[in-house]
Amino acid sequence: MELHDVWFILIAVLWTGYFFLEGFDFGIGVLTKLLARDRPEKRVLINTIGPVWDGNEVWLLTAGGATFAAFPEWYATLFSGFYLPLLLILVCLIVRGVAFEYRAKRPEQNWQRNWEEAIFWTSLLPAFLWGVAFGNIVRGVKLDAQHEYVGGLGDLLNPYALLGGLVTLALFTFHGAVFAALKTVGEIRQRARSLALKLGVATAAVAVVFLGWTQLDKGGLGSLAAMLVAVIALVGAIGAIKAGREGWSFALSGVTIAAAVAMLFLTLFPNVMPSTLDPDWSLTVTNASSSPYTLKIMTWCAAIATPLVLAYQSWTYWVFRKRIGTQHIAH
């Protein structure tokens, strides 16, 4: 296996980690409006991710940095062609971080309400737009012979990509509801379990359509296996939350995310960005990659840094592992 193939797999792993961790972050943000009934309950939900949300975004920075270093042609084409949606995601992530930090800085109800509204929208929009972006990457975009995107914004808003956005939004919200049930106590926990069950059914409906469409259009045996794992894990997550086993449900919803991401990357390989104008103009792991020497240095750096990142994130989750409820919120 060549180093560019290894880095394609590593980037897939980084995106999997990001969607697994930031996925329930986004879900919690959406649930501040769908699940919480009053301000103390909103504070409970926000506090479930308060110690970890910024650490979860490390995976996005790492995935972006790894793409820039390992596949500079892919990075350049992606960020120029998808400039507006990626800029909107970036703005949302900035405002979302500010909202988490500033919401409790003043006691006025209107101040806190406005920041909570910002948390909702800046969680919902990225959850949807990431699915649109990856849907377009897998489907292919208008690349010319110089590997430059020559389409417009309207080309990115095609039915397949929009369905992908609905899938990521639904899946992340379901993932967040399961996490809320896992991390809370009392009435809000019971309502989170009930809502997660409904969201799980809705997620399964749209996910099966999207994954089936992907498989019929571009799939092989590997992607078929990944799709089956995703569907089975999602059904298992729904069954586990119905049985009150939040831990198992959260693990299985995470497996669903991992298998779905694996399926998308399996259908993509060896391309990194297919061209819908001419297959010969597609960006691949070969023509988009850095030099072998660069990839070799990156591999050594990743081997040293990755265990450290996993260790400190695991320690963070262990420290803040206890459940919380409204009784823990100062009124």
C-alpha atoms as a PDB file:
ATOM      1  CA  MET A   1       0.000   0.000   0.000  1.00  0.00           C
ATOM      2  CA  GLU A   2       1.343   3.400  -1.024  1.00  0.00           C
ATOM      3  CA  LEU A   3       1.591   6.265   1.473  1.00  0.00           C
ATOM      4  CA  HIS A   4      -1.040   8.301  -0.369  1.00  0.00           C
ATOM      5  CA  ASP A   5      -3.460   5.402   0.125  1.00  0.00           C
ATOM      6  CA  VAL A   6      -2.570   5.309   3.825  1.00  0.00           C
ATOM      7  CA  TRP A   7      -3.268   9.026   4.150  1.00  0.00           C
ATOM      8  CA  PHE A   8      -6.586   8.682   2.353  1.00  0.00           C
ATOM      9  CA  ILE A   9      -7.554   6.145   5.032  1.00  0.00           C
ATOM     10  CA  LEU A  10      -6.224   8.365   7.835  1.00  0.00           C
ATOM     11  CA  ILE A  11      -8.215  11.345   6.580  1.00  0.00           C
ATOM     12  CA  ALA A  12     -11.322   9.136   6.508  1.00  0.00           C
ATOM     13  CA  VAL A  13     -10.590   8.184  10.127  1.00  0.00           C
ATOM     14  CA  LEU A  14     -10.182  11.836  11.111  1.00  0.00           C
ATOM     15  CA  TRP A  15     -13.523  12.757   9.553  1.00  0.00           C
ATOM     16  CA  THR A  16     -15.100   9.782  11.293  1.00  0.00           C
ATOM     17  CA  GLY A  17     -13.771  11.000  14.636  1.00  0.00           C
ATOM     18  CA  TYR A  18     -15.004  14.506  13.936  1.00  0.00           C
ATOM     19  CA  PHE A  19     -18.512  13.443  12.960  1.00  0.00           C
ATOM     20  CA  PHE A  20     -18.735  11.016  15.891  1.00  0.00           C
ATOM     21  CA  LEU A  21     -17.743  13.645  18.467  1.00  0.00           C
ATOM     22  CA  GLU A  22     -18.964  16.888  16.956  1.00  0.00           C
ATOM     23  CA  GLY A  23     -22.065  15.082  15.757  1.00  0.00           C
ATOM     24  CA  PHE A  24     -23.580  14.836  19.212  1.00  0.00           C
ATOM     25  CA  ASP A  25     -22.377  18.416  19.882  1.00  0.00           C
ATOM     26  CA  PHE A  26     -24.466  19.608  16.956  1.00  0.00           C
ATOM     27  CA  GLY A  27     -27.316  17.388  18.081  1.00  0.00           C
ATOM     28  CA  ILE A  28     -27.312  18.889  21.566  1.00  0.00           C
ATOM     29  CA  GLY A  29     -27.369  22.375  20.055  1.00  0.00           C
ATOM     30  CA  VAL A  30     -30.418  21.492  17.969  1.00  0.00           C
ATOM     31  CA  LEU A  31     -32.082  19.892  21.003  1.00  0.00           C
ATOM     32  CA  THR A  32     -31.846  23.102  23.019  1.00  0.00           C
ATOM     33  CA  LYS A  33     -34.954  24.101  21.079  1.00  0.00           C
ATOM     34  CA  LEU A  34     -36.534  20.690  20.435  1.00  0.00           C
ATOM     35  CA  LEU A  35     -36.070  19.064  23.856  1.00  0.00           C
ATOM     36  CA  ALA A  36     -35.527  21.716  26.529  1.00  0.00           C
ATOM     37  CA  ARG A  37     -38.693  23.283  27.942  1.00  0.00           C
ATOM     38  CA  ASP A  38     -37.161  26.094  29.974  1.00  0.00           C
ATOM     39  CA  ARG A  39     -33.874  27.872  30.611  1.00  0.00           C
ATOM     40  CA  PRO A  40     -32.588  25.463  33.330  1.00  0.00           C
ATOM     41  CA  GLU A  41     -33.086  22.534  30.954  1.00  0.00           C
ATOM     42  CA  LYS A  42     -31.253  24.400  28.200  1.00  0.00           C
ATOM     43  CA  ARG A  43     -28.408  24.950  30.633  1.00  0.00           C
ATOM     44  CA  VAL A  44     -28.388  21.243  31.447  1.00  0.00           C
ATOM     45  CA  LEU A  45     -28.056  20.332  27.769  1.00  0.00           C
ATOM     46  CA  ILE A  46     -25.344  22.912  27.140  1.00  0.00           C
ATOM     47  CA  ASN A  47     -23.465  21.756  30.240  1.00  0.00           C
ATOM     48  CA  THR A  48     -23.383  18.156  28.961  1.00  0.00           C
ATOM     49  CA  ILE A  49     -21.026  19.280  26.189  1.00  0.00           C
ATOM     50  CA  GLY A  50     -19.507  22.315  27.922  1.00  0.00           C
ATOM     51  CA  PRO A  51     -16.223  20.616  28.885  1.00  0.00           C
ATOM     52  CA  VAL A  52     -15.712  18.798  25.567  1.00  0.00           C
ATOM     53  CA  TRP A  53     -17.113  20.711  22.593  1.00  0.00           C
ATOM     54  CA  ASP A  54     -13.928  22.660  21.862  1.00  0.00           C
ATOM     55  CA  GLY A  55     -11.772  19.535  22.136  1.00  0.00           C
ATOM     56  CA  ASN A  56     -14.072  17.777  19.668  1.00  0.00           C
ATOM     57  CA  GLU A  57     -13.323  20.452  17.064  1.00  0.00           C
ATOM     58  CA  VAL A  58      -9.648  19.477  17.148  1.00  0.00           C
ATOM     59  CA  TRP A  59     -10.615  16.634  14.818  1.00  0.00           C
ATOM     60  CA  LEU A  60     -11.860  19.106  12.208  1.00  0.00           C
ATOM     61  CA  LEU A  61      -8.657  21.143  12.388  1.00  0.00           C
ATOM     62  CA  THR A  62      -6.611  17.977  12.076  1.00  0.00           C
ATOM     63  CA  ALA A  63      -8.669  16.665   9.153  1.00  0.00           C
ATOM     64  CA  GLY A  64      -8.340  19.987   7.332  1.00  0.00           C
ATOM     65  CA  GLY A  65      -4.633  20.257   8.062  1.00  0.00           C
ATOM     66  CA  ALA A  66      -3.987  16.673   6.993  1.00  0.00           C
ATOM     67  CA  THR A  67      -5.867  17.232   3.726  1.00  0.00           C
ATOM     68  CA  PHE A  68      -3.838  20.405   3.051  1.00  0.00           C
ATOM     69  CA  ALA A  69      -0.531  18.642   3.682  1.00  0.00           C
ATOM     70  CA  ALA A  70      -1.238  15.215   2.169  1.00  0.00           C
ATOM     71  CA  PHE A  71      -3.466  16.213  -0.763  1.00  0.00           C
ATOM     72  CA  PRO A  72      -2.877  19.911  -1.552  1.00  0.00           C
ATOM     73  CA  GLU A  73      -4.650  19.715  -4.936  1.00  0.00           C
ATOM     74  CA  TRP A  74      -7.733  18.259  -3.260  1.00  0.00           C
ATOM     75  CA  TYR A  75      -7.640  20.929  -0.557  1.00  0.00           C
ATOM     76  CA  ALA A  76      -7.266  23.766  -3.078  1.00  0.00           C
ATOM     77  CA  THR A  77     -10.074  22.572  -5.335  1.00  0.00           C
ATOM     78  CA  LEU A  78     -12.383  21.769  -2.425  1.00  0.00           C
ATOM     79  CA  PHE A  79     -11.986  25.079  -0.642  1.00  0.00           C
ATOM     80  CA  SER A  80     -12.223  27.170  -3.793  1.00  0.00           C
ATOM     81  CA  GLY A  81     -15.179  25.310  -5.281  1.00  0.00           C
ATOM     82  CA  PHE A  82     -17.081  24.982  -1.994  1.00  0.00           C
ATOM     83  CA  TYR A  83     -16.076  28.434  -0.771  1.00  0.00           C
ATOM     84  CA  LEU A  84     -19.507  29.781   0.222  1.00  0.00           C
ATOM     85  CA  PRO A  85     -20.844  26.713   2.091  1.00  0.00           C
ATOM     86  CA  LEU A  86     -17.525  26.148   3.860  1.00  0.00           C
ATOM     87  CA  LEU A  87     -17.344  29.839   4.780  1.00  0.00           C
ATOM     88  CA  LEU A  88     -20.850  29.590   6.219  1.00  0.00           C
ATOM     89  CA  ILE A  89     -19.808  26.552   8.260  1.00  0.00           C
ATOM     90  CA  LEU A  90     -16.750  28.425   9.526  1.00  0.00           C
ATOM     91  CA  VAL A  91     -18.826  31.454  10.535  1.00  0.00           C
ATOM     92  CA  CYS A  92     -21.283  29.168  12.319  1.00  0.00           C
ATOM     93  CA  LEU A  93     -18.505  27.447  14.256  1.00  0.00           C
ATOM     94  CA  ILE A  94     -17.038  30.815  15.303  1.00  0.00           C
ATOM     95  CA  VAL A  95     -20.387  32.231  16.429  1.00  0.00           C
ATOM     96  CA  ARG A  96     -21.245  28.947  18.145  1.00  0.00           C
ATOM     97  CA  GLY A  97     -18.068  29.026  20.198  1.00  0.00           C
ATOM     98  CA  VAL A  98     -18.679  32.651  21.175  1.00  0.00           C
ATOM     99  CA  ALA A  99     -22.268  31.789  22.129  1.00  0.00           C
ATOM    100  CA  PHE A 100     -21.147  29.012  24.479  1.00  0.00           C
ATOM    101  CA  GLU A 101     -18.722  31.347  26.222  1.00  0.00           C
ATOM    102  CA  TYR A 102     -20.800  34.547  26.283  1.00  0.00           C
ATOM    103  CA  ARG A 103     -24.283  33.198  27.039  1.00  0.00           C
ATOM    104  CA  ALA A 104     -23.811  33.240  30.825  1.00  0.00           C
ATOM    105  CA  LYS A 105     -21.720  36.427  31.001  1.00  0.00           C
ATOM    106  CA  ARG A 106     -24.769  38.604  31.708  1.00  0.00           C
ATOM    107  CA  PRO A 107     -27.950  37.778  33.662  1.00  0.00           C
ATOM    108  CA  GLU A 108     -30.458  39.489  31.363  1.00  0.00           C
ATOM    109  CA  GLN A 109     -33.033  37.081  29.912  1.00  0.00           C
ATOM    110  CA  ASN A 110     -32.896  38.664  26.463  1.00  0.00           C
ATOM    111  CA  TRP A 111     -29.089  38.377  26.338  1.00  0.00           C
ATOM    112  CA  GLN A 112     -29.148  34.674  27.182  1.00  0.00           C
ATOM    113  CA  ARG A 113     -32.090  33.986  24.880  1.00  0.00           C
ATOM    114  CA  ASN A 114     -30.309  35.508  21.888  1.00  0.00           C
ATOM    115  CA  TRP A 115     -27.167  33.446  22.462  1.00  0.00           C
ATOM    116  CA  GLU A 116     -29.244  30.285  22.897  1.00  0.00           C
ATOM    117  CA  GLU A 117     -30.944  31.045  19.579  1.00  0.00           C
ATOM    118  CA  ALA A 118     -27.477  31.375  18.046  1.00  0.00           C
ATOM    119  CA  ILE A 119     -26.446  28.002  19.477  1.00  0.00           C
ATOM    120  CA  PHE A 120     -29.471  26.367  17.847  1.00  0.00           C
ATOM    121  CA  TRP A 121     -28.938  27.794  14.363  1.00  0.00           C
ATOM    122  CA  THR A 122     -25.134  27.458  14.365  1.00  0.00           C
ATOM    123  CA  SER A 123     -25.554  23.797  15.278  1.00  0.00           C
ATOM    124  CA  LEU A 124     -28.310  23.045  12.773  1.00  0.00           C
ATOM    125  CA  LEU A 125     -26.698  24.675   9.730  1.00  0.00           C
ATOM    126  CA  PRO A 126     -23.274  22.937   9.915  1.00  0.00           C
ATOM    127  CA  ALA A 127     -24.962  19.597  10.637  1.00  0.00           C
ATOM    128  CA  PHE A 128     -26.879  20.017   7.379  1.00  0.00           C
ATOM    129  CA  LEU A 129     -24.106  21.600   5.285  1.00  0.00           C
ATOM    130  CA  TRP A 130     -21.515  18.924   6.061  1.00  0.00           C
ATOM    131  CA  GLY A 131     -23.852  16.360   4.531  1.00  0.00           C
ATOM    132  CA  VAL A 132     -24.352  18.555   1.471  1.00  0.00           C
ATOM    133  CA  ALA A 133     -20.592  18.969   1.086  1.00  0.00           C
ATOM    134  CA  PHE A 134     -19.775  15.270   1.351  1.00  0.00           C
ATOM    135  CA  GLY A 135     -22.705  14.393  -0.873  1.00  0.00           C
ATOM    136  CA  ASN A 136     -21.196  16.558  -3.612  1.00  0.00           C
ATOM    137  CA  ILE A 137     -17.707  15.126  -3.067  1.00  0.00           C
ATOM    138  CA  VAL A 138     -18.998  11.583  -3.536  1.00  0.00           C
ATOM    139  CA  ARG A 139     -21.351  12.432  -6.400  1.00  0.00           C
ATOM    140  CA  GLY A 140     -18.737  14.481  -8.222  1.00  0.00           C
ATOM    141  CA  VAL A 141     -18.586  18.109  -9.308  1.00  0.00           C
ATOM    142  CA  LYS A 142     -17.742  20.070 -12.446  1.00  0.00           C
ATOM    143  CA  LEU A 143     -13.940  19.949 -12.654  1.00  0.00           C
ATOM    144  CA  ASP A 144     -12.104  21.006 -15.789  1.00  0.00           C
ATOM    145  CA  ALA A 145      -8.825  19.662 -17.156  1.00  0.00           C
ATOM    146  CA  GLN A 146      -6.880  21.881 -14.718  1.00  0.00           C
ATOM    147  CA  HIS A 147      -8.813  20.351 -11.773  1.00  0.00           C
ATOM    148  CA  GLU A 148     -10.604  23.636 -11.126  1.00  0.00           C
ATOM    149  CA  TYR A 149     -14.260  23.821 -10.141  1.00  0.00           C
ATOM    150  CA  VAL A 150     -16.227  25.492 -12.935  1.00  0.00           C
ATOM    151  CA  GLY A 151     -19.748  25.034 -11.583  1.00  0.00           C
ATOM    152  CA  GLY A 152     -21.847  27.417  -9.526  1.00  0.00           C
ATOM    153  CA  LEU A 153     -23.499  27.361  -6.136  1.00  0.00           C
ATOM    154  CA  GLY A 154     -26.692  26.002  -7.677  1.00  0.00           C
ATOM    155  CA  ASP A 155     -24.832  22.892  -8.880  1.00  0.00           C
ATOM    156  CA  LEU A 156     -24.026  22.011  -5.265  1.00  0.00           C
ATOM    157  CA  LEU A 157     -27.716  22.116  -4.295  1.00  0.00           C
ATOM    158  CA  ASN A 158     -28.677  18.955  -6.167  1.00  0.00           C
ATOM    159  CA  PRO A 159     -31.179  16.388  -4.792  1.00  0.00           C
ATOM    160  CA  TYR A 160     -28.528  13.828  -3.803  1.00  0.00           C
ATOM    161  CA  ALA A 161     -26.454  16.348  -1.821  1.00  0.00           C
ATOM    162  CA  LEU A 162     -29.525  17.888  -0.163  1.00  0.00           C
ATOM    163  CA  LEU A 163     -30.659  14.417   0.892  1.00  0.00           C
ATOM    164  CA  GLY A 164     -27.164  13.881   2.322  1.00  0.00           C
ATOM    165  CA  GLY A 165     -27.627  17.069   4.334  1.00  0.00           C
ATOM    166  CA  LEU A 166     -30.929  15.802   5.736  1.00  0.00           C
ATOM    167  CA  VAL A 167     -29.258  12.517   6.688  1.00  0.00           C
ATOM    168  CA  THR A 168     -26.402  14.146   8.612  1.00  0.00           C
ATOM    169  CA  LEU A 169     -28.800  16.560  10.323  1.00  0.00           C
ATOM    170  CA  ALA A 170     -31.127  13.739  11.380  1.00  0.00           C
ATOM    171  CA  LEU A 171     -28.306  11.399  12.376  1.00  0.00           C
ATOM    172  CA  PHE A 172     -26.452  14.012  14.427  1.00  0.00           C
ATOM    173  CA  THR A 173     -29.663  15.066  16.163  1.00  0.00           C
ATOM    174  CA  PHE A 174     -30.440  11.443  17.002  1.00  0.00           C
ATOM    175  CA  HIS A 175     -26.851  10.979  18.207  1.00  0.00           C
ATOM    176  CA  GLY A 176     -27.251  14.078  20.383  1.00  0.00           C
ATOM    177  CA  ALA A 177     -30.564  12.878  21.833  1.00  0.00           C
ATOM    178  CA  VAL A 178     -28.973   9.583  22.830  1.00  0.00           C
ATOM    179  CA  PHE A 179     -26.059  11.474  24.373  1.00  0.00           C
ATOM    180  CA  ALA A 180     -28.519  13.679  26.280  1.00  0.00           C
ATOM    181  CA  ALA A 181     -30.243  10.582  27.646  1.00  0.00           C
ATOM    182  CA  LEU A 182     -26.844   9.165  28.604  1.00  0.00           C
ATOM    183  CA  LYS A 183     -25.666  12.311  30.392  1.00  0.00           C
ATOM    184  CA  THR A 184     -28.799  13.556  32.203  1.00  0.00           C
ATOM    185  CA  VAL A 185     -31.106  12.487  35.011  1.00  0.00           C
ATOM    186  CA  GLY A 186     -34.750  13.043  35.823  1.00  0.00           C
ATOM    187  CA  GLU A 187     -37.531  14.093  33.500  1.00  0.00           C
ATOM    188  CA  ILE A 188     -35.271  15.474  30.804  1.00  0.00           C
ATOM    189  CA  ARG A 189     -33.594  12.077  30.508  1.00  0.00           C
ATOM    190  CA  GLN A 190     -36.956  10.368  29.969  1.00  0.00           C
ATOM    191  CA  ARG A 191     -37.978  12.886  27.324  1.00  0.00           C
ATOM    192  CA  ALA A 192     -34.584  12.554  25.630  1.00  0.00           C
ATOM    193  CA  ARG A 193     -35.085   8.789  25.365  1.00  0.00           C
ATOM    194  CA  SER A 194     -38.584   9.243  23.935  1.00  0.00           C
ATOM    195  CA  LEU A 195     -37.410  11.846  21.425  1.00  0.00           C
ATOM    196  CA  ALA A 196     -34.382   9.736  20.463  1.00  0.00           C
ATOM    197  CA  LEU A 197     -36.688   6.846  19.599  1.00  0.00           C
ATOM    198  CA  LYS A 198     -38.726   9.033  17.236  1.00  0.00           C
ATOM    199  CA  LEU A 199     -35.629  10.628  15.734  1.00  0.00           C
ATOM    200  CA  GLY A 200     -34.077   7.198  15.211  1.00  0.00           C
ATOM    201  CA  VAL A 201     -37.002   6.022  13.108  1.00  0.00           C
ATOM    202  CA  ALA A 202     -36.944   9.209  11.018  1.00  0.00           C
ATOM    203  CA  THR A 203     -33.164   8.936  10.601  1.00  0.00           C
ATOM    204  CA  ALA A 204     -33.425   5.322   9.467  1.00  0.00           C
ATOM    205  CA  ALA A 205     -35.973   6.287   6.817  1.00  0.00           C
ATOM    206  CA  VAL A 206     -33.824   8.964   5.154  1.00  0.00           C
ATOM    207  CA  ALA A 207     -30.514   7.152   5.718  1.00  0.00           C
ATOM    208  CA  VAL A 208     -31.633   3.975   3.970  1.00  0.00           C
ATOM    209  CA  VAL A 209     -32.688   5.986   0.927  1.00  0.00           C
ATOM    210  CA  PHE A 210     -29.429   7.957   0.794  1.00  0.00           C
ATOM    211  CA  LEU A 211     -27.123   5.002   1.400  1.00  0.00           C
ATOM    212  CA  GLY A 212     -29.076   2.843  -1.024  1.00  0.00           C
ATOM    213  CA  TRP A 213     -28.839   5.571  -3.685  1.00  0.00           C
ATOM    214  CA  THR A 214     -25.085   5.802  -3.080  1.00  0.00           C
ATOM    215  CA  GLN A 215     -24.645   2.055  -3.334  1.00  0.00           C
ATOM    216  CA  LEU A 216     -26.643   1.727  -6.546  1.00  0.00           C
ATOM    217  CA  ASP A 217     -24.794   4.625  -8.154  1.00  0.00           C
ATOM    218  CA  LYS A 218     -21.190   4.033  -7.125  1.00  0.00           C
ATOM    219  CA  GLY A 219     -20.989   1.106  -4.720  1.00  0.00           C
ATOM    220  CA  GLY A 220     -19.044  -2.139  -4.630  1.00  0.00           C
ATOM    221  CA  LEU A 221     -18.768  -5.050  -2.219  1.00  0.00           C
ATOM    222  CA  GLY A 222     -16.843  -3.038   0.378  1.00  0.00           C
ATOM    223  CA  SER A 223     -19.338  -0.182   0.403  1.00  0.00           C
ATOM    224  CA  LEU A 224     -22.218  -2.668   0.534  1.00  0.00           C
ATOM    225  CA  ALA A 225     -20.726  -4.257   3.654  1.00  0.00           C
ATOM    226  CA  ALA A 226     -20.275  -0.831   5.246  1.00  0.00           C
ATOM    227  CA  MET A 227     -23.863   0.112   4.391  1.00  0.00           C
ATOM    228  CA  LEU A 228     -25.208  -3.052   6.003  1.00  0.00           C
ATOM    229  CA  VAL A 229     -23.168  -2.371   9.142  1.00  0.00           C
ATOM    230  CA  ALA A 230     -24.525   1.190   9.275  1.00  0.00           C
ATOM    231  CA  VAL A 231     -28.134   0.083   8.902  1.00  0.00           C
ATOM    232  CA  ILE A 232     -27.839  -2.772  11.407  1.00  0.00           C
ATOM    233  CA  ALA A 233     -26.076  -0.520  13.934  1.00  0.00           C
ATOM    234  CA  LEU A 234     -28.762   2.156  13.557  1.00  0.00           C
ATOM    235  CA  VAL A 235     -31.527  -0.383  14.120  1.00  0.00           C
ATOM    236  CA  GLY A 236     -29.591  -1.666  17.141  1.00  0.00           C
ATOM    237  CA  ALA A 237     -29.224   1.877  18.499  1.00  0.00           C
ATOM    238  CA  ILE A 238     -32.983   2.407  18.213  1.00  0.00           C
ATOM    239  CA  GLY A 239     -33.645  -0.892  19.979  1.00  0.00           C
ATOM    240  CA  ALA A 240     -31.141  -0.106  22.732  1.00  0.00           C
ATOM    241  CA  ILE A 241     -32.611   3.319  23.481  1.00  0.00           C
ATOM    242  CA  LYS A 242     -36.086   1.754  23.580  1.00  0.00           C
ATOM    243  CA  ALA A 243     -34.773  -0.722  26.160  1.00  0.00           C
ATOM    244  CA  GLY A 244     -33.242   2.096  28.216  1.00  0.00           C
ATOM    245  CA  ARG A 245     -29.640   1.105  27.428  1.00  0.00           C
ATOM    246  CA  GLU A 246     -28.291   4.557  26.615  1.00  0.00           C
ATOM    247  CA  GLY A 247     -24.647   3.517  26.660  1.00  0.00           C
ATOM    248  CA  TRP A 248     -25.171   0.769  24.084  1.00  0.00           C
ATOM    249  CA  SER A 249     -27.357   3.050  21.997  1.00  0.00           C
ATOM    250  CA  PHE A 250     -24.708   5.777  21.953  1.00  0.00           C
ATOM    251  CA  ALA A 251     -22.006   3.288  20.971  1.00  0.00           C
ATOM    252  CA  LEU A 252     -24.167   1.870  18.173  1.00  0.00           C
ATOM    253  CA  SER A 253     -25.127   5.305  16.856  1.00  0.00           C
ATOM    254  CA  GLY A 254     -21.398   6.003  16.754  1.00  0.00           C
ATOM    255  CA  VAL A 255     -20.871   2.798  14.774  1.00  0.00           C
ATOM    256  CA  THR A 256     -23.577   3.997  12.380  1.00  0.00           C
ATOM    257  CA  ILE A 257     -21.687   7.233  11.781  1.00  0.00           C
ATOM    258  CA  ALA A 258     -18.370   5.417  11.338  1.00  0.00           C
ATOM    259  CA  ALA A 259     -19.813   2.874   8.908  1.00  0.00           C
ATOM    260  CA  ALA A 260     -21.621   5.559   6.894  1.00  0.00           C
ATOM    261  CA  VAL A 261     -18.428   7.617   6.560  1.00  0.00           C
ATOM    262  CA  ALA A 262     -16.509   4.465   5.622  1.00  0.00           C
ATOM    263  CA  MET A 263     -19.071   3.717   2.925  1.00  0.00           C
ATOM    264  CA  LEU A 264     -18.734   7.192   1.421  1.00  0.00           C
ATOM    265  CA  PHE A 265     -14.937   6.988   1.323  1.00  0.00           C
ATOM    266  CA  LEU A 266     -15.053   3.460  -0.110  1.00  0.00           C
ATOM    267  CA  THR A 267     -17.285   4.629  -2.963  1.00  0.00           C
ATOM    268  CA  LEU A 268     -14.968   7.599  -3.504  1.00  0.00           C
ATOM    269  CA  PHE A 269     -11.613   5.745  -3.656  1.00  0.00           C
ATOM    270  CA  PRO A 270      -9.332   6.038  -5.636  1.00  0.00           C
ATOM    271  CA  ASN A 271     -10.827   9.431  -6.452  1.00  0.00           C
ATOM    272  CA  VAL A 272     -10.794  12.234  -3.939  1.00  0.00           C
ATOM    273  CA  MET A 273     -13.003  14.506  -6.054  1.00  0.00           C
ATOM    274  CA  PRO A 274     -14.583  13.037  -9.191  1.00  0.00           C
ATOM    275  CA  SER A 275     -15.266  15.210 -12.227  1.00  0.00           C
ATOM    276  CA  THR A 276     -18.734  15.019 -13.749  1.00  0.00           C
ATOM    277  CA  LEU A 277     -17.450  16.607 -16.962  1.00  0.00           C
ATOM    278  CA  ASP A 278     -14.825  13.979 -17.784  1.00  0.00           C
ATOM    279  CA  PRO A 279     -13.643  11.086 -15.556  1.00  0.00           C
ATOM    280  CA  ASP A 280     -10.074  11.720 -16.741  1.00  0.00           C
ATOM    281  CA  TRP A 281     -10.217  15.168 -15.108  1.00  0.00           C
ATOM    282  CA  SER A 282     -10.980  13.750 -11.672  1.00  0.00           C
ATOM    283  CA  LEU A 283      -8.668  14.310  -8.721  1.00  0.00           C
ATOM    284  CA  THR A 284      -7.314  11.016  -7.398  1.00  0.00           C
ATOM    285  CA  VAL A 285      -5.129   9.910  -4.497  1.00  0.00           C
ATOM    286  CA  THR A 286      -2.252   9.846  -6.997  1.00  0.00           C
ATOM    287  CA  ASN A 287      -2.499  13.172  -8.846  1.00  0.00           C
ATOM    288  CA  ALA A 288      -3.672  15.158  -5.808  1.00  0.00           C
ATOM    289  CA  SER A 289      -1.100  13.957  -3.269  1.00  0.00           C
ATOM    290  CA  SER A 290       2.075  15.509  -1.912  1.00  0.00           C
ATOM    291  CA  SER A 291       5.524  14.070  -2.503  1.00  0.00           C
ATOM    292  CA  PRO A 292       6.436  10.720  -0.916  1.00  0.00           C
ATOM    293  CA  TYR A 293       8.948  12.472   1.355  1.00  0.00           C
ATOM    294  CA  THR A 294       6.263  14.836   2.688  1.00  0.00           C
ATOM    295  CA  LEU A 295       3.904  11.934   3.328  1.00  0.00           C
ATOM    296  CA  LYS A 296       6.660  10.023   5.104  1.00  0.00           C
ATOM    297  CA  ILE A 297       7.387  12.930   7.498  1.00  0.00           C
ATOM    298  CA  MET A 298       3.665  13.360   8.114  1.00  0.00           C
ATOM    299  CA  THR A 299       3.306   9.689   8.948  1.00  0.00           C
ATOM    300  CA  TRP A 300       5.967   9.905  11.663  1.00  0.00           C
ATOM    301  CA  CYS A 301       4.356  13.047  13.103  1.00  0.00           C
ATOM    302  CA  ALA A 302       0.931  11.395  13.139  1.00  0.00           C
ATOM    303  CA  ALA A 303       2.299   8.302  14.844  1.00  0.00           C
ATOM    304  CA  ILE A 304       3.655  10.470  17.684  1.00  0.00           C
ATOM    305  CA  ALA A 305       0.826  13.004  18.046  1.00  0.00           C
ATOM    306  CA  THR A 306      -2.277  10.837  17.583  1.00  0.00           C
ATOM    307  CA  PRO A 307      -1.884   8.762  20.786  1.00  0.00           C
ATOM    308  CA  LEU A 308      -1.404  11.983  22.786  1.00  0.00           C
ATOM    309  CA  VAL A 309      -4.612  13.505  21.383  1.00  0.00           C
ATOM    310  CA  LEU A 310      -6.564  10.317  22.088  1.00  0.00           C
ATOM    311  CA  ALA A 311      -5.165  10.159  25.621  1.00  0.00           C
ATOM    312  CA  TYR A 312      -6.090  13.700  26.657  1.00  0.00           C
ATOM    313  CA  GLN A 313      -9.541  13.492  25.067  1.00  0.00           C
ATOM    314  CA  SER A 314     -10.240  10.176  26.782  1.00  0.00           C
ATOM    315  CA  TRP A 315      -9.123  11.667  30.105  1.00  0.00           C
ATOM    316  CA  THR A 316     -11.435  14.663  29.582  1.00  0.00           C
ATOM    317  CA  TYR A 317     -14.447  12.438  28.993  1.00  0.00           C
ATOM    318  CA  TRP A 318     -13.549  10.334  32.018  1.00  0.00           C
ATOM    319  CA  VAL A 319     -13.323  13.366  34.315  1.00  0.00           C
ATOM    320  CA  PHE A 320     -16.707  14.698  33.158  1.00  0.00           C
ATOM    321  CA  ARG A 321     -18.450  11.324  32.953  1.00  0.00           C
ATOM    322  CA  LYS A 322     -21.205  11.936  35.564  1.00  0.00           C
ATOM    323  CA  ARG A 323     -24.825  12.701  34.750  1.00  0.00           C
ATOM    324  CA  ILE A 324     -26.344  16.103  35.441  1.00  0.00           C
ATOM    325  CA  GLY A 325     -29.870  17.434  35.890  1.00  0.00           C
ATOM    326  CA  THR A 326     -31.775  20.587  36.705  1.00  0.00           C
ATOM    327  CA  GLN A 327     -31.065  20.022  40.398  1.00  0.00           C
ATOM    328  CA  HIS A 328     -27.417  20.763  39.637  1.00  0.00           C
ATOM    329  CA  ILE A 329     -28.271  24.128  38.077  1.00  0.00           C
ATOM    330  CA  ALA A 330     -28.238  27.199  40.295  1.00  0.00           C
ATOM    331  CA  HIS A 331     -31.549  29.043  39.989  1.00  0.00           C
END
